[in-house]
N, C-alpha and C. Protein backbone atom coordinates (compact mmCIF):
# COMPACT_ATOMS: atom_id res chain seq x y z
N MET A 1 -25.68 -7.71 5.94
CA MET A 1 -24.39 -7.16 5.54
C MET A 1 -23.58 -6.87 6.79
N SER A 2 -22.28 -7.11 6.72
CA SER A 2 -21.38 -6.84 7.83
C SER A 2 -21.17 -5.34 8.01
N THR A 3 -20.93 -4.96 9.23
CA THR A 3 -20.64 -3.56 9.55
C THR A 3 -19.18 -3.27 9.24
N PRO A 4 -18.88 -2.20 8.53
CA PRO A 4 -17.48 -1.87 8.24
C PRO A 4 -16.73 -1.53 9.53
N GLU A 5 -15.49 -2.01 9.61
CA GLU A 5 -14.57 -1.65 10.69
C GLU A 5 -13.41 -0.90 10.06
N PHE A 6 -13.10 0.28 10.58
CA PHE A 6 -12.03 1.10 10.03
C PHE A 6 -10.79 0.98 10.91
N PHE A 7 -9.61 1.02 10.27
CA PHE A 7 -8.35 0.83 10.96
C PHE A 7 -7.37 1.93 10.59
N VAL A 8 -6.54 2.29 11.57
CA VAL A 8 -5.53 3.32 11.39
C VAL A 8 -4.17 2.69 11.69
N THR A 9 -3.24 2.82 10.77
CA THR A 9 -1.89 2.32 10.98
C THR A 9 -1.22 3.16 12.06
N PRO A 10 -0.72 2.52 13.13
CA PRO A 10 -0.03 3.30 14.17
C PRO A 10 1.14 4.08 13.56
N GLY A 11 1.31 5.31 14.01
CA GLY A 11 2.36 6.17 13.46
C GLY A 11 1.75 7.14 12.47
N TYR A 12 2.12 7.02 11.21
CA TYR A 12 1.65 7.96 10.20
C TYR A 12 0.13 7.95 10.04
N GLY A 13 -0.49 6.80 10.27
CA GLY A 13 -1.95 6.70 10.13
C GLY A 13 -2.69 7.56 11.13
N ASP A 14 -2.12 7.71 12.33
CA ASP A 14 -2.73 8.59 13.33
C ASP A 14 -2.80 10.02 12.82
N TYR A 15 -1.73 10.47 12.19
CA TYR A 15 -1.70 11.81 11.61
C TYR A 15 -2.75 11.94 10.50
N MET A 16 -2.79 10.96 9.62
CA MET A 16 -3.74 11.00 8.50
C MET A 16 -5.18 11.06 9.02
N ARG A 17 -5.48 10.29 10.02
CA ARG A 17 -6.84 10.27 10.59
C ARG A 17 -7.18 11.61 11.22
N GLU A 18 -6.24 12.16 11.98
CA GLU A 18 -6.51 13.42 12.67
C GLU A 18 -6.57 14.61 11.73
N HIS A 19 -5.62 14.69 10.79
CA HIS A 19 -5.51 15.89 9.96
C HIS A 19 -6.22 15.80 8.61
N LEU A 20 -6.32 14.60 8.05
CA LEU A 20 -6.95 14.46 6.73
C LEU A 20 -8.26 13.69 6.77
N HIS A 21 -8.62 13.20 7.95
CA HIS A 21 -9.90 12.54 8.22
C HIS A 21 -10.16 11.32 7.33
N TYR A 22 -9.14 10.45 7.27
CA TYR A 22 -9.37 9.18 6.59
C TYR A 22 -8.60 8.07 7.30
N SER A 23 -9.06 6.85 7.09
CA SER A 23 -8.46 5.67 7.68
C SER A 23 -7.57 4.98 6.65
N GLN A 24 -6.71 4.10 7.14
CA GLN A 24 -5.79 3.39 6.26
C GLN A 24 -6.36 2.09 5.72
N ALA A 25 -7.35 1.52 6.42
CA ALA A 25 -7.94 0.26 5.95
C ALA A 25 -9.37 0.16 6.44
N VAL A 26 -10.14 -0.64 5.71
CA VAL A 26 -11.51 -0.96 6.13
C VAL A 26 -11.70 -2.46 5.93
N LYS A 27 -12.40 -3.06 6.88
CA LYS A 27 -12.70 -4.49 6.80
C LYS A 27 -14.21 -4.64 6.83
N VAL A 28 -14.73 -5.35 5.84
CA VAL A 28 -16.14 -5.67 5.77
C VAL A 28 -16.22 -7.18 5.62
N GLY A 29 -16.73 -7.84 6.64
CA GLY A 29 -16.72 -9.30 6.62
C GLY A 29 -15.28 -9.78 6.61
N ASN A 30 -14.94 -10.58 5.59
CA ASN A 30 -13.57 -11.09 5.50
C ASN A 30 -12.74 -10.35 4.44
N ARG A 31 -13.26 -9.23 3.95
CA ARG A 31 -12.58 -8.45 2.90
C ARG A 31 -11.93 -7.22 3.52
N VAL A 32 -10.66 -6.99 3.19
CA VAL A 32 -9.93 -5.82 3.66
C VAL A 32 -9.51 -5.00 2.45
N GLU A 33 -9.80 -3.71 2.50
CA GLU A 33 -9.36 -2.76 1.47
C GLU A 33 -8.45 -1.75 2.16
N THR A 34 -7.32 -1.43 1.53
CA THR A 34 -6.46 -0.40 2.09
C THR A 34 -6.58 0.87 1.26
N SER A 35 -6.27 1.98 1.91
CA SER A 35 -6.07 3.21 1.15
C SER A 35 -4.68 3.11 0.52
N GLY A 36 -4.38 4.00 -0.37
CA GLY A 36 -3.06 3.98 -0.98
C GLY A 36 -1.98 4.24 0.05
N GLN A 37 -0.92 3.44 0.00
CA GLN A 37 0.20 3.59 0.93
C GLN A 37 1.42 4.03 0.14
N GLY A 38 2.02 5.11 0.59
CA GLY A 38 3.22 5.60 -0.06
C GLY A 38 4.46 5.05 0.60
N GLY A 39 5.60 5.46 0.08
CA GLY A 39 6.88 5.00 0.60
C GLY A 39 7.46 5.92 1.64
N TRP A 40 6.63 6.44 2.51
CA TRP A 40 7.06 7.35 3.57
C TRP A 40 7.36 6.60 4.86
N ASP A 41 8.10 7.26 5.75
CA ASP A 41 8.27 6.73 7.10
C ASP A 41 7.26 7.45 8.00
N ASP A 42 7.33 7.24 9.29
CA ASP A 42 6.35 7.84 10.19
C ASP A 42 6.43 9.36 10.26
N GLU A 43 7.52 9.95 9.76
CA GLU A 43 7.64 11.42 9.70
C GLU A 43 7.40 11.93 8.28
N PHE A 44 6.89 11.07 7.41
CA PHE A 44 6.58 11.39 6.02
C PHE A 44 7.81 11.75 5.20
N GLN A 45 8.95 11.21 5.59
CA GLN A 45 10.15 11.35 4.78
C GLN A 45 10.14 10.24 3.73
N ILE A 46 10.51 10.59 2.51
CA ILE A 46 10.49 9.64 1.40
C ILE A 46 11.92 9.46 0.90
N PRO A 47 12.36 8.21 0.75
CA PRO A 47 13.74 7.96 0.29
C PRO A 47 14.01 8.60 -1.07
N ALA A 48 15.24 9.01 -1.28
CA ALA A 48 15.64 9.58 -2.57
C ALA A 48 15.63 8.52 -3.67
N ASP A 49 15.97 7.29 -3.30
CA ASP A 49 16.05 6.20 -4.27
C ASP A 49 14.65 5.62 -4.51
N LEU A 50 14.25 5.51 -5.77
CA LEU A 50 12.92 5.02 -6.12
C LEU A 50 12.68 3.59 -5.64
N ALA A 51 13.65 2.72 -5.78
CA ALA A 51 13.49 1.34 -5.31
C ALA A 51 13.27 1.30 -3.80
N ASP A 52 13.96 2.16 -3.06
CA ASP A 52 13.77 2.23 -1.61
C ASP A 52 12.37 2.74 -1.27
N GLU A 53 11.86 3.67 -2.06
CA GLU A 53 10.51 4.19 -1.85
C GLU A 53 9.47 3.09 -2.05
N ILE A 54 9.64 2.30 -3.09
CA ILE A 54 8.73 1.17 -3.33
C ILE A 54 8.82 0.16 -2.20
N THR A 55 10.04 -0.14 -1.76
CA THR A 55 10.23 -1.07 -0.65
C THR A 55 9.50 -0.58 0.59
N GLN A 56 9.60 0.70 0.90
CA GLN A 56 8.93 1.26 2.07
C GLN A 56 7.41 1.20 1.91
N ALA A 57 6.90 1.41 0.70
CA ALA A 57 5.45 1.31 0.47
C ALA A 57 4.97 -0.12 0.76
N PHE A 58 5.73 -1.12 0.34
CA PHE A 58 5.36 -2.50 0.65
C PHE A 58 5.37 -2.75 2.16
N HIS A 59 6.37 -2.20 2.84
CA HIS A 59 6.44 -2.34 4.29
C HIS A 59 5.24 -1.65 4.96
N ASN A 60 4.88 -0.47 4.47
CA ASN A 60 3.72 0.23 5.02
C ASN A 60 2.43 -0.55 4.79
N LEU A 61 2.31 -1.18 3.65
CA LEU A 61 1.14 -2.03 3.40
C LEU A 61 1.11 -3.21 4.36
N GLU A 62 2.25 -3.80 4.63
CA GLU A 62 2.31 -4.91 5.58
C GLU A 62 1.81 -4.45 6.95
N ARG A 63 2.25 -3.28 7.39
CA ARG A 63 1.80 -2.72 8.67
C ARG A 63 0.29 -2.46 8.65
N THR A 64 -0.19 -1.88 7.56
CA THR A 64 -1.60 -1.54 7.46
C THR A 64 -2.47 -2.78 7.42
N LEU A 65 -2.09 -3.77 6.63
CA LEU A 65 -2.84 -5.02 6.59
C LEU A 65 -2.91 -5.65 7.98
N ALA A 66 -1.81 -5.62 8.71
CA ALA A 66 -1.77 -6.23 10.04
C ALA A 66 -2.77 -5.57 10.99
N THR A 67 -2.99 -4.25 10.85
CA THR A 67 -3.95 -3.58 11.74
C THR A 67 -5.35 -4.14 11.57
N ALA A 68 -5.64 -4.66 10.38
CA ALA A 68 -6.97 -5.20 10.07
C ALA A 68 -7.00 -6.73 10.17
N GLY A 69 -5.92 -7.32 10.66
CA GLY A 69 -5.88 -8.78 10.81
C GLY A 69 -5.58 -9.54 9.55
N ALA A 70 -4.96 -8.88 8.59
CA ALA A 70 -4.64 -9.52 7.31
C ALA A 70 -3.13 -9.49 7.10
N SER A 71 -2.69 -10.15 6.03
CA SER A 71 -1.28 -10.13 5.66
C SER A 71 -1.18 -10.24 4.15
N TRP A 72 0.04 -10.18 3.65
CA TRP A 72 0.26 -10.28 2.21
C TRP A 72 -0.25 -11.60 1.64
N GLU A 73 -0.27 -12.66 2.43
CA GLU A 73 -0.76 -13.94 1.91
C GLU A 73 -2.24 -13.87 1.54
N HIS A 74 -2.95 -12.88 2.05
CA HIS A 74 -4.37 -12.72 1.78
C HIS A 74 -4.66 -11.76 0.62
N VAL A 75 -3.64 -11.10 0.10
CA VAL A 75 -3.83 -10.09 -0.94
C VAL A 75 -4.19 -10.75 -2.27
N ILE A 76 -5.29 -10.26 -2.86
CA ILE A 76 -5.74 -10.79 -4.15
C ILE A 76 -5.63 -9.78 -5.29
N HIS A 77 -5.52 -8.47 -4.94
CA HIS A 77 -5.53 -7.43 -5.96
C HIS A 77 -4.64 -6.29 -5.51
N VAL A 78 -3.81 -5.80 -6.43
CA VAL A 78 -2.93 -4.67 -6.17
C VAL A 78 -3.19 -3.61 -7.23
N ASN A 79 -3.34 -2.36 -6.78
CA ASN A 79 -3.32 -1.20 -7.68
C ASN A 79 -2.07 -0.42 -7.33
N SER A 80 -1.25 -0.09 -8.32
CA SER A 80 -0.09 0.75 -8.06
C SER A 80 -0.13 1.96 -8.99
N TYR A 81 0.23 3.09 -8.41
CA TYR A 81 0.19 4.37 -9.11
C TYR A 81 1.60 4.93 -9.13
N HIS A 82 2.06 5.35 -10.32
CA HIS A 82 3.46 5.72 -10.50
C HIS A 82 3.58 7.06 -11.21
N VAL A 83 4.36 7.96 -10.63
CA VAL A 83 4.70 9.24 -11.25
C VAL A 83 6.00 9.03 -12.01
N GLY A 84 6.07 9.54 -13.22
CA GLY A 84 7.33 9.49 -13.97
C GLY A 84 7.48 8.28 -14.87
N GLY A 85 6.39 7.57 -15.12
CA GLY A 85 6.47 6.45 -16.04
C GLY A 85 6.96 5.18 -15.38
N PHE A 86 7.44 4.28 -16.22
CA PHE A 86 7.79 2.94 -15.76
C PHE A 86 9.20 2.56 -16.19
N PRO A 87 10.21 3.21 -15.59
CA PRO A 87 11.57 2.76 -15.90
C PRO A 87 11.75 1.33 -15.40
N PRO A 88 12.73 0.61 -15.92
CA PRO A 88 12.88 -0.81 -15.56
C PRO A 88 12.91 -1.07 -14.06
N GLU A 89 13.49 -0.15 -13.27
CA GLU A 89 13.57 -0.41 -11.82
C GLU A 89 12.19 -0.47 -11.16
N VAL A 90 11.18 0.16 -11.75
CA VAL A 90 9.84 0.11 -11.17
C VAL A 90 9.32 -1.32 -11.20
N ASN A 91 9.23 -1.90 -12.39
CA ASN A 91 8.72 -3.26 -12.49
C ASN A 91 9.64 -4.26 -11.81
N ASP A 92 10.95 -4.08 -11.95
CA ASP A 92 11.89 -4.99 -11.29
C ASP A 92 11.66 -5.02 -9.78
N THR A 93 11.50 -3.84 -9.18
CA THR A 93 11.31 -3.76 -7.73
C THR A 93 9.93 -4.26 -7.33
N MET A 94 8.91 -3.90 -8.07
CA MET A 94 7.55 -4.37 -7.75
C MET A 94 7.52 -5.89 -7.79
N VAL A 95 8.03 -6.49 -8.86
CA VAL A 95 7.99 -7.95 -9.01
C VAL A 95 8.84 -8.63 -7.93
N LYS A 96 9.99 -8.06 -7.61
CA LYS A 96 10.82 -8.61 -6.55
C LYS A 96 10.01 -8.70 -5.24
N HIS A 97 9.27 -7.66 -4.93
CA HIS A 97 8.49 -7.66 -3.69
C HIS A 97 7.26 -8.55 -3.79
N TYR A 98 6.65 -8.65 -4.95
CA TYR A 98 5.54 -9.62 -5.10
C TYR A 98 6.04 -11.03 -4.76
N ARG A 99 7.19 -11.36 -5.30
CA ARG A 99 7.73 -12.71 -5.06
C ARG A 99 8.16 -12.89 -3.61
N GLN A 100 8.64 -11.83 -2.99
CA GLN A 100 9.06 -11.90 -1.58
C GLN A 100 7.85 -12.01 -0.65
N TYR A 101 6.87 -11.13 -0.83
CA TYR A 101 5.73 -11.05 0.07
C TYR A 101 4.64 -12.06 -0.25
N MET A 102 4.55 -12.51 -1.49
CA MET A 102 3.49 -13.43 -1.91
C MET A 102 4.08 -14.58 -2.72
N PRO A 103 4.94 -15.39 -2.10
CA PRO A 103 5.65 -16.42 -2.86
C PRO A 103 4.75 -17.55 -3.35
N HIS A 104 3.56 -17.70 -2.79
CA HIS A 104 2.71 -18.84 -3.12
C HIS A 104 1.52 -18.48 -4.02
N HIS A 105 1.40 -17.21 -4.35
CA HIS A 105 0.33 -16.82 -5.28
C HIS A 105 0.71 -15.51 -5.97
N ALA A 106 0.07 -15.26 -7.10
CA ALA A 106 0.29 -14.03 -7.86
C ALA A 106 -1.05 -13.29 -7.93
N PRO A 107 -1.14 -12.12 -7.28
CA PRO A 107 -2.41 -11.38 -7.29
C PRO A 107 -2.65 -10.75 -8.66
N ILE A 108 -3.86 -10.25 -8.86
CA ILE A 108 -4.08 -9.44 -10.05
C ILE A 108 -3.49 -8.06 -9.76
N TRP A 109 -3.10 -7.34 -10.83
CA TRP A 109 -2.36 -6.09 -10.65
C TRP A 109 -2.80 -5.09 -11.70
N THR A 110 -3.15 -3.90 -11.26
CA THR A 110 -3.42 -2.79 -12.16
C THR A 110 -2.37 -1.73 -11.87
N GLN A 111 -1.63 -1.36 -12.89
CA GLN A 111 -0.52 -0.40 -12.76
C GLN A 111 -0.87 0.83 -13.59
N VAL A 112 -0.85 2.01 -12.95
CA VAL A 112 -1.29 3.23 -13.60
C VAL A 112 -0.24 4.32 -13.48
N GLY A 113 0.06 4.99 -14.57
CA GLY A 113 0.91 6.17 -14.55
C GLY A 113 0.06 7.39 -14.24
N VAL A 114 0.54 8.22 -13.33
CA VAL A 114 -0.20 9.42 -12.91
C VAL A 114 0.71 10.63 -12.94
N GLU A 115 0.10 11.80 -12.95
CA GLU A 115 0.88 13.05 -12.95
C GLU A 115 1.41 13.40 -11.58
N ALA A 116 0.61 13.17 -10.53
CA ALA A 116 1.02 13.54 -9.18
C ALA A 116 0.30 12.67 -8.16
N LEU A 117 0.88 12.61 -6.94
CA LEU A 117 0.28 11.88 -5.83
C LEU A 117 0.13 12.84 -4.64
N GLY A 118 -0.26 12.32 -3.48
CA GLY A 118 -0.63 13.15 -2.34
C GLY A 118 0.46 14.03 -1.75
N LEU A 119 1.71 13.63 -1.83
CA LEU A 119 2.83 14.46 -1.38
C LEU A 119 3.67 14.82 -2.60
N PRO A 120 4.21 16.03 -2.64
CA PRO A 120 4.95 16.45 -3.83
C PRO A 120 6.13 15.55 -4.21
N THR A 121 6.74 14.89 -3.23
CA THR A 121 7.91 14.06 -3.52
C THR A 121 7.57 12.59 -3.76
N MET A 122 6.30 12.22 -3.64
CA MET A 122 5.90 10.82 -3.86
C MET A 122 6.00 10.44 -5.33
N ARG A 123 6.52 9.23 -5.57
CA ARG A 123 6.57 8.69 -6.92
C ARG A 123 5.80 7.39 -7.05
N VAL A 124 5.36 6.82 -5.92
CA VAL A 124 4.61 5.57 -5.95
C VAL A 124 3.58 5.56 -4.81
N GLU A 125 2.45 4.96 -5.09
CA GLU A 125 1.42 4.71 -4.09
C GLU A 125 0.77 3.37 -4.45
N ILE A 126 0.56 2.54 -3.44
CA ILE A 126 0.05 1.19 -3.67
C ILE A 126 -1.13 0.94 -2.74
N ARG A 127 -2.20 0.38 -3.28
CA ARG A 127 -3.35 -0.04 -2.47
C ARG A 127 -3.67 -1.48 -2.80
N VAL A 128 -4.23 -2.19 -1.83
CA VAL A 128 -4.52 -3.61 -2.05
C VAL A 128 -5.89 -4.00 -1.51
N THR A 129 -6.36 -5.12 -2.01
CA THR A 129 -7.55 -5.81 -1.50
C THR A 129 -7.10 -7.18 -1.01
N ALA A 130 -7.59 -7.55 0.17
CA ALA A 130 -7.25 -8.85 0.73
C ALA A 130 -8.52 -9.56 1.16
N ILE A 131 -8.51 -10.88 1.04
CA ILE A 131 -9.60 -11.71 1.52
C ILE A 131 -9.02 -12.66 2.57
N ILE A 132 -9.56 -12.58 3.79
CA ILE A 132 -9.09 -13.43 4.87
C ILE A 132 -9.97 -14.69 4.89
N PRO A 133 -9.37 -15.87 4.74
CA PRO A 133 -10.20 -17.09 4.72
C PRO A 133 -10.89 -17.34 6.05
């Protein structure tokens, strides 16, 4: 069995590792798993607009995947967690980014409504699994 390698996203990931004692990604062999990524910036500010928050979460996932040597083209599975239900802008924005970041394949997707996430102002959190060929 391969030894797990843990990765921290530069910026906000350094804070998470130091203060909350967790990493943003783990790589075992050619498989990369990320922790949930919210729509925060490096100072944990979250946009007021929900679509912008989702966009930032996708950007944070791109950064996190890159730390482990992966990219969106390697993503096979997405879990997304949403506070406040699923108004049309949620699916519209998620699908827009799936098509932007993964134009050549469609991953499997589990979408879950939740009561709360790690920060009081968070409305979305996304985690992914990637396989690097």
